[in-house]
Amino acid sequence: MVDADLSDGLAASPSRRRRSSEERRRIVEETLGAGSSVARVARKHGVNANQVFPWRRLYRDGKLGAPPQGAMKLLPVSVSDEEELPKPAPVEGVPLRA
């Protein structure tokens, strides 16, 4: 039988890093930005993209803890019937060419 010499600093198998809920939430929020790629964000943080998708589900379900104060803002919304909206003015004098 041969004993493995691990004195060169290489481990037999890499240990998995355990990330806190706060760290997972920050990574997920980074993936939600406009034009961001889950794969790119995951690679940036040394995580497999396949692991980020379950974190996104947990985030959506509110299971990754509350975001820091001021992270989210509610916007005012007003709802009206379509009939109450002003009608657009007709466009005149612009000939169209085929």
PDB file of N, CA and C in Angstrom:
ATOM      1  N   MET A   1       0.826  -1.164   0.000  1.00  0.00           N
ATOM      2  CA  MET A   1       0.000   0.000   0.000  1.00  0.00           C
ATOM      3  C   MET A   1       0.882   1.243   0.000  1.00  0.00           C
ATOM      4  N   VAL A   2       0.461   2.274  -0.739  1.00  0.00           N
ATOM      5  CA  VAL A   2       1.242   3.498  -0.850  1.00  0.00           C
ATOM      6  C   VAL A   2       0.555   4.587  -0.041  1.00  0.00           C
ATOM      7  N   ASP A   3       1.326   5.235   0.813  1.00  0.00           N
ATOM      8  CA  ASP A   3       0.797   6.361   1.576  1.00  0.00           C
ATOM      9  C   ASP A   3       0.976   7.631   0.759  1.00  0.00           C
ATOM     10  N   ALA A   4      -0.067   8.448   0.699  1.00  0.00           N
ATOM     11  CA  ALA A   4       0.023   9.706  -0.043  1.00  0.00           C
ATOM     12  C   ALA A   4       0.800  10.717   0.785  1.00  0.00           C
ATOM     13  N   ASP A   5       1.733  11.391   0.131  1.00  0.00           N
ATOM     14  CA  ASP A   5       2.513  12.428   0.807  1.00  0.00           C
ATOM     15  C   ASP A   5       1.833  13.768   0.549  1.00  0.00           C
ATOM     16  N   LEU A   6       1.229  14.322   1.565  1.00  0.00           N
ATOM     17  CA  LEU A   6       0.515  15.593   1.425  1.00  0.00           C
ATOM     18  C   LEU A   6       1.327  16.758   1.958  1.00  0.00           C
ATOM     19  N   SER A   7       2.616  16.571   2.104  1.00  0.00           N
ATOM     20  CA  SER A   7       3.457  17.624   2.665  1.00  0.00           C
ATOM     21  C   SER A   7       3.652  18.798   1.715  1.00  0.00           C
ATOM     22  N   ASP A   8       3.269  18.643   0.443  1.00  0.00           N
ATOM     23  CA  ASP A   8       3.430  19.744  -0.506  1.00  0.00           C
ATOM     24  C   ASP A   8       2.313  20.783  -0.382  1.00  0.00           C
ATOM     25  N   GLY A   9       1.390  20.587   0.547  1.00  0.00           N
ATOM     26  CA  GLY A   9       0.343  21.574   0.787  1.00  0.00           C
ATOM     27  C   GLY A   9      -0.937  21.314   0.026  1.00  0.00           C
ATOM     28  N   LEU A  10      -0.958  20.304  -0.823  1.00  0.00           N
ATOM     29  CA  LEU A  10      -2.164  19.994  -1.568  1.00  0.00           C
ATOM     30  C   LEU A  10      -3.016  19.034  -0.764  1.00  0.00           C
ATOM     31  N   ALA A  11      -4.274  19.331  -0.633  1.00  0.00           N
ATOM     32  CA  ALA A  11      -5.181  18.453   0.098  1.00  0.00           C
ATOM     33  C   ALA A  11      -5.701  17.381  -0.846  1.00  0.00           C
ATOM     34  N   ALA A  12      -6.095  16.262  -0.308  1.00  0.00           N
ATOM     35  CA  ALA A  12      -6.626  15.172  -1.120  1.00  0.00           C
ATOM     36  C   ALA A  12      -7.911  15.607  -1.817  1.00  0.00           C
ATOM     37  N   SER A  13      -8.750  16.339  -1.137  1.00  0.00           N
ATOM     38  CA  SER A  13      -9.954  16.896  -1.757  1.00  0.00           C
ATOM     39  C   SER A  13     -10.181  18.284  -1.168  1.00  0.00           C
ATOM     40  N   PRO A  14     -10.564  19.226  -1.996  1.00  0.00           N
ATOM     41  CA  PRO A  14     -10.753  20.590  -1.485  1.00  0.00           C
ATOM     42  C   PRO A  14     -11.929  20.634  -0.515  1.00  0.00           C
ATOM     43  N   SER A  15     -11.781  21.406   0.531  1.00  0.00           N
ATOM     44  CA  SER A  15     -12.880  21.532   1.490  1.00  0.00           C
ATOM     45  C   SER A  15     -13.888  22.541   0.954  1.00  0.00           C
ATOM     46  N   ARG A  16     -15.154  22.280   1.235  1.00  0.00           N
ATOM     47  CA  ARG A  16     -16.201  23.187   0.773  1.00  0.00           C
ATOM     48  C   ARG A  16     -16.321  24.354   1.729  1.00  0.00           C
ATOM     49  N   ARG A  17     -16.464  25.513   1.177  1.00  0.00           N
ATOM     50  CA  ARG A  17     -16.617  26.710   1.998  1.00  0.00           C
ATOM     51  C   ARG A  17     -18.084  26.865   2.367  1.00  0.00           C
ATOM     52  N   ARG A  18     -18.332  27.108   3.622  1.00  0.00           N
ATOM     53  CA  ARG A  18     -19.697  27.340   4.079  1.00  0.00           C
ATOM     54  C   ARG A  18     -19.932  28.844   4.113  1.00  0.00           C
ATOM     55  N   ARG A  19     -20.934  29.294   3.405  1.00  0.00           N
ATOM     56  CA  ARG A  19     -21.222  30.723   3.311  1.00  0.00           C
ATOM     57  C   ARG A  19     -22.400  31.077   4.211  1.00  0.00           C
ATOM     58  N   SER A  20     -22.304  32.224   4.831  1.00  0.00           N
ATOM     59  CA  SER A  20     -23.380  32.683   5.712  1.00  0.00           C
ATOM     60  C   SER A  20     -24.587  33.105   4.872  1.00  0.00           C
ATOM     61  N   SER A  21     -25.733  33.199   5.521  1.00  0.00           N
ATOM     62  CA  SER A  21     -26.941  33.655   4.822  1.00  0.00           C
ATOM     63  C   SER A  21     -26.739  35.048   4.256  1.00  0.00           C
ATOM     64  N   GLU A  22     -26.049  35.898   5.010  1.00  0.00           N
ATOM     65  CA  GLU A  22     -25.795  37.265   4.545  1.00  0.00           C
ATOM     66  C   GLU A  22     -24.952  37.259   3.275  1.00  0.00           C
ATOM     67  N   GLU A  23     -23.921  36.420   3.239  1.00  0.00           N
ATOM     68  CA  GLU A  23     -23.053  36.343   2.061  1.00  0.00           C
ATOM     69  C   GLU A  23     -23.817  35.782   0.863  1.00  0.00           C
ATOM     70  N   ARG A  24     -24.629  34.752   1.093  1.00  0.00           N
ATOM     71  CA  ARG A  24     -25.431  34.189  -0.002  1.00  0.00           C
ATOM     72  C   ARG A  24     -26.420  35.222  -0.517  1.00  0.00           C
ATOM     73  N   ARG A  25     -27.035  35.994   0.409  1.00  0.00           N
ATOM     74  CA  ARG A  25     -27.985  37.032  -0.005  1.00  0.00           C
ATOM     75  C   ARG A  25     -27.303  38.081  -0.868  1.00  0.00           C
ATOM     76  N   ARG A  26     -26.094  38.507  -0.485  1.00  0.00           N
ATOM     77  CA  ARG A  26     -25.366  39.513  -1.283  1.00  0.00           C
ATOM     78  C   ARG A  26     -25.055  38.977  -2.679  1.00  0.00           C
ATOM     79  N   ILE A  27     -24.653  37.714  -2.768  1.00  0.00           N
ATOM     80  CA  ILE A  27     -24.346  37.117  -4.073  1.00  0.00           C
ATOM     81  C   ILE A  27     -25.611  37.067  -4.923  1.00  0.00           C
ATOM     82  N   VAL A  28     -26.723  36.633  -4.326  1.00  0.00           N
ATOM     83  CA  VAL A  28     -27.990  36.560  -5.062  1.00  0.00           C
ATOM     84  C   VAL A  28     -28.404  37.943  -5.540  1.00  0.00           C
ATOM     85  N   GLU A  29     -28.320  38.948  -4.674  1.00  0.00           N
ATOM     86  CA  GLU A  29     -28.720  40.304  -5.066  1.00  0.00           C
ATOM     87  C   GLU A  29     -27.865  40.817  -6.214  1.00  0.00           C
ATOM     88  N   GLU A  30     -26.617  40.415  -6.242  1.00  0.00           N
ATOM     89  CA  GLU A  30     -25.743  40.814  -7.349  1.00  0.00           C
ATOM     90  C   GLU A  30     -26.214  40.180  -8.658  1.00  0.00           C
ATOM     91  N   THR A  31     -26.771  38.965  -8.591  1.00  0.00           N
ATOM     92  CA  THR A  31     -27.254  38.307  -9.812  1.00  0.00           C
ATOM     93  C   THR A  31     -28.550  38.919 -10.310  1.00  0.00           C
ATOM     94  N   LEU A  32     -29.249  39.663  -9.465  1.00  0.00           N
ATOM     95  CA  LEU A  32     -30.536  40.236  -9.848  1.00  0.00           C
ATOM     96  C   LEU A  32     -30.395  41.576 -10.561  1.00  0.00           C
ATOM     97  N   GLY A  33     -29.199  42.121 -10.615  1.00  0.00           N
ATOM     98  CA  GLY A  33     -28.974  43.396 -11.279  1.00  0.00           C
ATOM     99  C   GLY A  33     -29.212  43.302 -12.778  1.00  0.00           C
ATOM    100  N   ALA A  34     -29.599  44.413 -13.366  1.00  0.00           N
ATOM    101  CA  ALA A  34     -29.855  44.450 -14.805  1.00  0.00           C
ATOM    102  C   ALA A  34     -28.599  44.066 -15.581  1.00  0.00           C
ATOM    103  N   GLY A  35     -28.747  43.148 -16.507  1.00  0.00           N
ATOM    104  CA  GLY A  35     -27.643  42.734 -17.366  1.00  0.00           C
ATOM    105  C   GLY A  35     -26.623  41.839 -16.688  1.00  0.00           C
ATOM    106  N   SER A  36     -26.904  41.385 -15.476  1.00  0.00           N
ATOM    107  CA  SER A  36     -25.926  40.546 -14.784  1.00  0.00           C
ATOM    108  C   SER A  36     -26.142  39.081 -15.140  1.00  0.00           C
ATOM    109  N   SER A  37     -25.077  38.315 -15.096  1.00  0.00           N
ATOM    110  CA  SER A  37     -25.106  36.896 -15.436  1.00  0.00           C
ATOM    111  C   SER A  37     -24.848  36.082 -14.172  1.00  0.00           C
ATOM    112  N   VAL A  38     -25.703  35.088 -13.912  1.00  0.00           N
ATOM    113  CA  VAL A  38     -25.524  34.238 -12.736  1.00  0.00           C
ATOM    114  C   VAL A  38     -24.172  33.552 -12.802  1.00  0.00           C
ATOM    115  N   ALA A  39     -23.812  33.041 -13.968  1.00  0.00           N
ATOM    116  CA  ALA A  39     -22.531  32.334 -14.116  1.00  0.00           C
ATOM    117  C   ALA A  39     -21.353  33.260 -13.821  1.00  0.00           C
ATOM    118  N   ARG A  40     -21.411  34.483 -14.319  1.00  0.00           N
ATOM    119  CA  ARG A  40     -20.309  35.429 -14.115  1.00  0.00           C
ATOM    120  C   ARG A  40     -20.179  35.813 -12.637  1.00  0.00           C
ATOM    121  N   VAL A  41     -21.312  36.092 -11.999  1.00  0.00           N
ATOM    122  CA  VAL A  41     -21.288  36.462 -10.576  1.00  0.00           C
ATOM    123  C   VAL A  41     -20.796  35.283  -9.744  1.00  0.00           C
ATOM    124  N   ALA A  42     -21.271  34.086 -10.055  1.00  0.00           N
ATOM    125  CA  ALA A  42     -20.849  32.894  -9.314  1.00  0.00           C
ATOM    126  C   ALA A  42     -19.347  32.690  -9.446  1.00  0.00           C
ATOM    127  N   ARG A  43     -18.840  32.803 -10.657  1.00  0.00           N
ATOM    128  CA  ARG A  43     -17.402  32.626 -10.898  1.00  0.00           C
ATOM    129  C   ARG A  43     -16.593  33.668 -10.125  1.00  0.00           C
ATOM    130  N   LYS A  44     -17.093  34.896 -10.091  1.00  0.00           N
ATOM    131  CA  LYS A  44     -16.417  35.984  -9.374  1.00  0.00           C
ATOM    132  C   LYS A  44     -16.253  35.650  -7.889  1.00  0.00           C
ATOM    133  N   HIS A  45     -17.247  34.955  -7.331  1.00  0.00           N
ATOM    134  CA  HIS A  45     -17.232  34.629  -5.903  1.00  0.00           C
ATOM    135  C   HIS A  45     -16.752  33.208  -5.621  1.00  0.00           C
ATOM    136  N   GLY A  46     -16.308  32.492  -6.654  1.00  0.00           N
ATOM    137  CA  GLY A  46     -15.794  31.140  -6.454  1.00  0.00           C
ATOM    138  C   GLY A  46     -16.869  30.127  -6.107  1.00  0.00           C
ATOM    139  N   VAL A  47     -18.057  30.325  -6.672  1.00  0.00           N
ATOM    140  CA  VAL A  47     -19.190  29.436  -6.411  1.00  0.00           C
ATOM    141  C   VAL A  47     -19.632  28.839  -7.738  1.00  0.00           C
ATOM    142  N   ASN A  48     -20.127  27.613  -7.712  1.00  0.00           N
ATOM    143  CA  ASN A  48     -20.696  27.016  -8.909  1.00  0.00           C
ATOM    144  C   ASN A  48     -22.061  27.665  -9.159  1.00  0.00           C
ATOM    145  N   ALA A  49     -22.326  28.019 -10.399  1.00  0.00           N
ATOM    146  CA  ALA A  49     -23.592  28.679 -10.734  1.00  0.00           C
ATOM    147  C   ALA A  49     -24.788  27.813 -10.346  1.00  0.00           C
ATOM    148  N   ASN A  50     -24.642  26.489 -10.424  1.00  0.00           N
ATOM    149  CA  ASN A  50     -25.744  25.601 -10.052  1.00  0.00           C
ATOM    150  C   ASN A  50     -26.108  25.727  -8.576  1.00  0.00           C
ATOM    151  N   GLN A  51     -25.206  26.213  -7.763  1.00  0.00           N
ATOM    152  CA  GLN A  51     -25.503  26.417  -6.345  1.00  0.00           C
ATOM    153  C   GLN A  51     -26.239  27.732  -6.118  1.00  0.00           C
ATOM    154  N   VAL A  52     -26.034  28.693  -7.001  1.00  0.00           N
ATOM    155  CA  VAL A  52     -26.657  30.010  -6.820  1.00  0.00           C
ATOM    156  C   VAL A  52     -28.167  29.953  -7.080  1.00  0.00           C
ATOM    157  N   PHE A  53     -28.605  29.104  -7.998  1.00  0.00           N
ATOM    158  CA  PHE A  53     -30.032  29.045  -8.321  1.00  0.00           C
ATOM    159  C   PHE A  53     -30.899  28.641  -7.120  1.00  0.00           C
ATOM    160  N   PRO A  54     -30.510  27.635  -6.313  1.00  0.00           N
ATOM    161  CA  PRO A  54     -31.298  27.367  -5.097  1.00  0.00           C
ATOM    162  C   PRO A  54     -31.271  28.540  -4.111  1.00  0.00           C
ATOM    163  N   TRP A  55     -30.158  29.248  -4.050  1.00  0.00           N
ATOM    164  CA  TRP A  55     -30.084  30.425  -3.183  1.00  0.00           C
ATOM    165  C   TRP A  55     -31.071  31.476  -3.655  1.00  0.00           C
ATOM    166  N   ARG A  56     -31.221  31.642  -4.972  1.00  0.00           N
ATOM    167  CA  ARG A  56     -32.182  32.608  -5.510  1.00  0.00           C
ATOM    168  C   ARG A  56     -33.605  32.230  -5.107  1.00  0.00           C
ATOM    169  N   ARG A  57     -33.898  30.925  -5.118  1.00  0.00           N
ATOM    170  CA  ARG A  57     -35.219  30.458  -4.700  1.00  0.00           C
ATOM    171  C   ARG A  57     -35.443  30.775  -3.214  1.00  0.00           C
ATOM    172  N   LEU A  58     -34.435  30.517  -2.386  1.00  0.00           N
ATOM    173  CA  LEU A  58     -34.538  30.839  -0.959  1.00  0.00           C
ATOM    174  C   LEU A  58     -34.743  32.339  -0.755  1.00  0.00           C
ATOM    175  N   TYR A  59     -34.027  33.142  -1.531  1.00  0.00           N
ATOM    176  CA  TYR A  59     -34.141  34.602  -1.453  1.00  0.00           C
ATOM    177  C   TYR A  59     -35.570  35.026  -1.795  1.00  0.00           C
ATOM    178  N   ARG A  60     -36.088  34.470  -2.891  1.00  0.00           N
ATOM    179  CA  ARG A  60     -37.440  34.808  -3.337  1.00  0.00           C
ATOM    180  C   ARG A  60     -38.472  34.432  -2.272  1.00  0.00           C
ATOM    181  N   ASP A  61     -38.227  33.310  -1.565  1.00  0.00           N
ATOM    182  CA  ASP A  61     -39.149  32.851  -0.527  1.00  0.00           C
ATOM    183  C   ASP A  61     -38.913  33.537   0.817  1.00  0.00           C
ATOM    184  N   GLY A  62     -37.944  34.459   0.875  1.00  0.00           N
ATOM    185  CA  GLY A  62     -37.667  35.196   2.101  1.00  0.00           C
ATOM    186  C   GLY A  62     -36.909  34.401   3.148  1.00  0.00           C
ATOM    187  N   LYS A  63     -36.169  33.368   2.730  1.00  0.00           N
ATOM    188  CA  LYS A  63     -35.477  32.496   3.680  1.00  0.00           C
ATOM    189  C   LYS A  63     -33.984  32.785   3.808  1.00  0.00           C
ATOM    190  N   LEU A  64     -33.516  33.879   3.218  1.00  0.00           N
ATOM    191  CA  LEU A  64     -32.105  34.252   3.373  1.00  0.00           C
ATOM    192  C   LEU A  64     -31.951  35.458   4.287  1.00  0.00           C
ATOM    193  N   GLY A  65     -32.946  35.714   5.089  1.00  0.00           N
ATOM    194  CA  GLY A  65     -32.863  36.839   6.015  1.00  0.00           C
ATOM    195  C   GLY A  65     -33.278  38.138   5.351  1.00  0.00           C
ATOM    196  N   ALA A  66     -33.446  39.132   6.170  1.00  0.00           N
ATOM    197  CA  ALA A  66     -33.868  40.441   5.672  1.00  0.00           C
ATOM    198  C   ALA A  66     -32.681  41.195   5.103  1.00  0.00           C
ATOM    199  N   PRO A  67     -32.888  41.926   4.018  1.00  0.00           N
ATOM    200  CA  PRO A  67     -31.813  42.755   3.484  1.00  0.00           C
ATOM    201  C   PRO A  67     -31.498  43.886   4.449  1.00  0.00           C
ATOM    202  N   PRO A  68     -30.307  44.476   4.346  1.00  0.00           N
ATOM    203  CA  PRO A  68     -29.943  45.576   5.236  1.00  0.00           C
ATOM    204  C   PRO A  68     -30.907  46.749   5.101  1.00  0.00           C
ATOM    205  N   GLN A  69     -30.993  47.560   6.155  1.00  0.00           N
ATOM    206  CA  GLN A  69     -31.870  48.733   6.153  1.00  0.00           C
ATOM    207  C   GLN A  69     -31.566  49.617   4.944  1.00  0.00           C
ATOM    208  N   GLY A  70     -32.609  50.080   4.289  1.00  0.00           N
ATOM    209  CA  GLY A  70     -32.435  50.982   3.161  1.00  0.00           C
ATOM    210  C   GLY A  70     -32.104  50.276   1.858  1.00  0.00           C
ATOM    211  N   ALA A  71     -32.027  48.958   1.863  1.00  0.00           N
ATOM    212  CA  ALA A  71     -31.680  48.238   0.643  1.00  0.00           C
ATOM    213  C   ALA A  71     -32.840  48.230  -0.347  1.00  0.00           C
ATOM    214  N   MET A  72     -34.067  48.220   0.171  1.00  0.00           N
ATOM    215  CA  MET A  72     -35.232  48.208  -0.709  1.00  0.00           C
ATOM    216  C   MET A  72     -36.074  49.437  -0.432  1.00  0.00           C
ATOM    217  N   LYS A  73     -36.682  49.943  -1.481  1.00  0.00           N
ATOM    218  CA  LYS A  73     -37.571  51.089  -1.329  1.00  0.00           C
ATOM    219  C   LYS A  73     -38.879  50.771  -2.031  1.00  0.00           C
ATOM    220  N   LEU A  74     -39.969  51.178  -1.426  1.00  0.00           N
ATOM    221  CA  LEU A  74     -41.270  51.022  -2.048  1.00  0.00           C
ATOM    222  C   LEU A  74     -41.570  52.276  -2.857  1.00  0.00           C
ATOM    223  N   LEU A  75     -42.147  52.080  -4.011  1.00  0.00           N
ATOM    224  CA  LEU A  75     -42.506  53.199  -4.872  1.00  0.00           C
ATOM    225  C   LEU A  75     -44.010  53.390  -4.845  1.00  0.00           C
ATOM    226  N   PRO A  76     -44.471  54.636  -4.881  1.00  0.00           N
ATOM    227  CA  PRO A  76     -45.915  54.862  -4.903  1.00  0.00           C
ATOM    228  C   PRO A  76     -46.502  54.420  -6.244  1.00  0.00           C
ATOM    229  N   VAL A  77     -47.694  53.859  -6.174  1.00  0.00           N
ATOM    230  CA  VAL A  77     -48.361  53.366  -7.377  1.00  0.00           C
ATOM    231  C   VAL A  77     -49.791  53.872  -7.359  1.00  0.00           C
ATOM    232  N   SER A  78     -50.262  54.327  -8.505  1.00  0.00           N
ATOM    233  CA  SER A  78     -51.675  54.679  -8.613  1.00  0.00           C
ATOM    234  C   SER A  78     -52.278  53.858  -9.747  1.00  0.00           C
ATOM    235  N   VAL A  79     -53.467  53.349  -9.505  1.00  0.00           N
ATOM    236  CA  VAL A  79     -54.141  52.492 -10.474  1.00  0.00           C
ATOM    237  C   VAL A  79     -55.349  53.240 -10.996  1.00  0.00           C
ATOM    238  N   SER A  80     -55.515  53.230 -12.311  1.00  0.00           N
ATOM    239  CA  SER A  80     -56.678  53.885 -12.899  1.00  0.00           C
ATOM    240  C   SER A  80     -57.218  53.018 -14.023  1.00  0.00           C
ATOM    241  N   ASP A  81     -58.497  53.247 -14.344  1.00  0.00           N
ATOM    242  CA  ASP A  81     -59.105  52.516 -15.451  1.00  0.00           C
ATOM    243  C   ASP A  81     -58.524  53.008 -16.763  1.00  0.00           C
ATOM    244  N   GLU A  82     -58.497  52.130 -17.729  1.00  0.00           N
ATOM    245  CA  GLU A  82     -57.940  52.483 -19.038  1.00  0.00           C
ATOM    246  C   GLU A  82     -58.759  53.591 -19.707  1.00  0.00           C
ATOM    247  N   GLU A  83     -60.052  53.634 -19.436  1.00  0.00           N
ATOM    248  CA  GLU A  83     -60.922  54.634 -20.052  1.00  0.00           C
ATOM    249  C   GLU A  83     -60.577  56.048 -19.598  1.00  0.00           C
ATOM    250  N   GLU A  84     -59.988  56.197 -18.436  1.00  0.00           N
ATOM    251  CA  GLU A  84     -59.680  57.516 -17.905  1.00  0.00           C
ATOM    252  C   GLU A  84     -58.388  58.097 -18.476  1.00  0.00           C
ATOM    253  N   LEU A  85     -57.607  57.289 -19.154  1.00  0.00           N
ATOM    254  CA  LEU A  85     -56.341  57.766 -19.692  1.00  0.00           C
ATOM    255  C   LEU A  85     -56.588  58.684 -20.880  1.00  0.00           C
ATOM    256  N   PRO A  86     -55.789  59.738 -21.033  1.00  0.00           N
ATOM    257  CA  PRO A  86     -55.968  60.636 -22.183  1.00  0.00           C
ATOM    258  C   PRO A  86     -55.624  59.915 -23.486  1.00  0.00           C
ATOM    259  N   LYS A  87     -56.376  60.253 -24.521  1.00  0.00           N
ATOM    260  CA  LYS A  87     -56.141  59.660 -25.843  1.00  0.00           C
ATOM    261  C   LYS A  87     -54.983  60.391 -26.513  1.00  0.00           C
ATOM    262  N   PRO A  88     -54.113  59.657 -27.215  1.00  0.00           N
ATOM    263  CA  PRO A  88     -53.000  60.319 -27.902  1.00  0.00           C
ATOM    264  C   PRO A  88     -53.511  61.184 -29.055  1.00  0.00           C
ATOM    265  N   ALA A  89     -52.823  62.279 -29.301  1.00  0.00           N
ATOM    266  CA  ALA A  89     -53.197  63.185 -30.389  1.00  0.00           C
ATOM    267  C   ALA A  89     -52.887  62.517 -31.724  1.00  0.00           C
ATOM    268  N   PRO A  90     -53.747  62.716 -32.722  1.00  0.00           N
ATOM    269  CA  PRO A  90     -53.480  62.118 -34.036  1.00  0.00           C
ATOM    270  C   PRO A  90     -52.267  62.778 -34.699  1.00  0.00           C
ATOM    271  N   VAL A  91     -51.545  61.988 -35.455  1.00  0.00           N
ATOM    272  CA  VAL A  91     -50.367  62.489 -36.165  1.00  0.00           C
ATOM    273  C   VAL A  91     -50.808  62.873 -37.573  1.00  0.00           C
ATOM    274  N   GLU A  92     -50.466  64.110 -37.967  1.00  0.00           N
ATOM    275  CA  GLU A  92     -50.881  64.590 -39.286  1.00  0.00           C
ATOM    276  C   GLU A  92     -49.682  65.071 -40.082  1.00  0.00           C
ATOM    277  N   GLY A  93     -49.824  65.006 -41.393  1.00  0.00           N
ATOM    278  CA  GLY A  93     -48.845  65.604 -42.284  1.00  0.00           C
ATOM    279  C   GLY A  93     -47.520  64.871 -42.414  1.00  0.00           C
ATOM    280  N   VAL A  94     -47.466  63.614 -42.060  1.00  0.00           N
ATOM    281  CA  VAL A  94     -46.223  62.860 -42.211  1.00  0.00           C
ATOM    282  C   VAL A  94     -46.473  61.757 -43.228  1.00  0.00           C
ATOM    283  N   PRO A  95     -46.049  61.980 -44.493  1.00  0.00           N
ATOM    284  CA  PRO A  95     -46.278  60.941 -45.507  1.00  0.00           C
ATOM    285  C   PRO A  95     -45.337  59.750 -45.278  1.00  0.00           C
ATOM    286  N   LEU A  96     -45.870  58.569 -45.470  1.00  0.00           N
ATOM    287  CA  LEU A  96     -45.079  57.345 -45.335  1.00  0.00           C
ATOM    288  C   LEU A  96     -44.738  56.824 -46.715  1.00  0.00           C
ATOM    289  N   ARG A  97     -43.490  56.394 -46.888  1.00  0.00           N
ATOM    290  CA  ARG A  97     -43.073  55.824 -48.168  1.00  0.00           C
ATOM    291  C   ARG A  97     -42.996  54.316 -48.044  1.00  0.00           C
ATOM    292  N   ALA A  98     -43.349  53.652 -49.096  1.00  0.00           N
ATOM    293  CA  ALA A  98     -43.298  52.184 -49.106  1.00  0.00           C
ATOM    294  C   ALA A  98     -41.935  51.689 -49.501  1.00  0.00           C
TER     295      ALA A  98
END
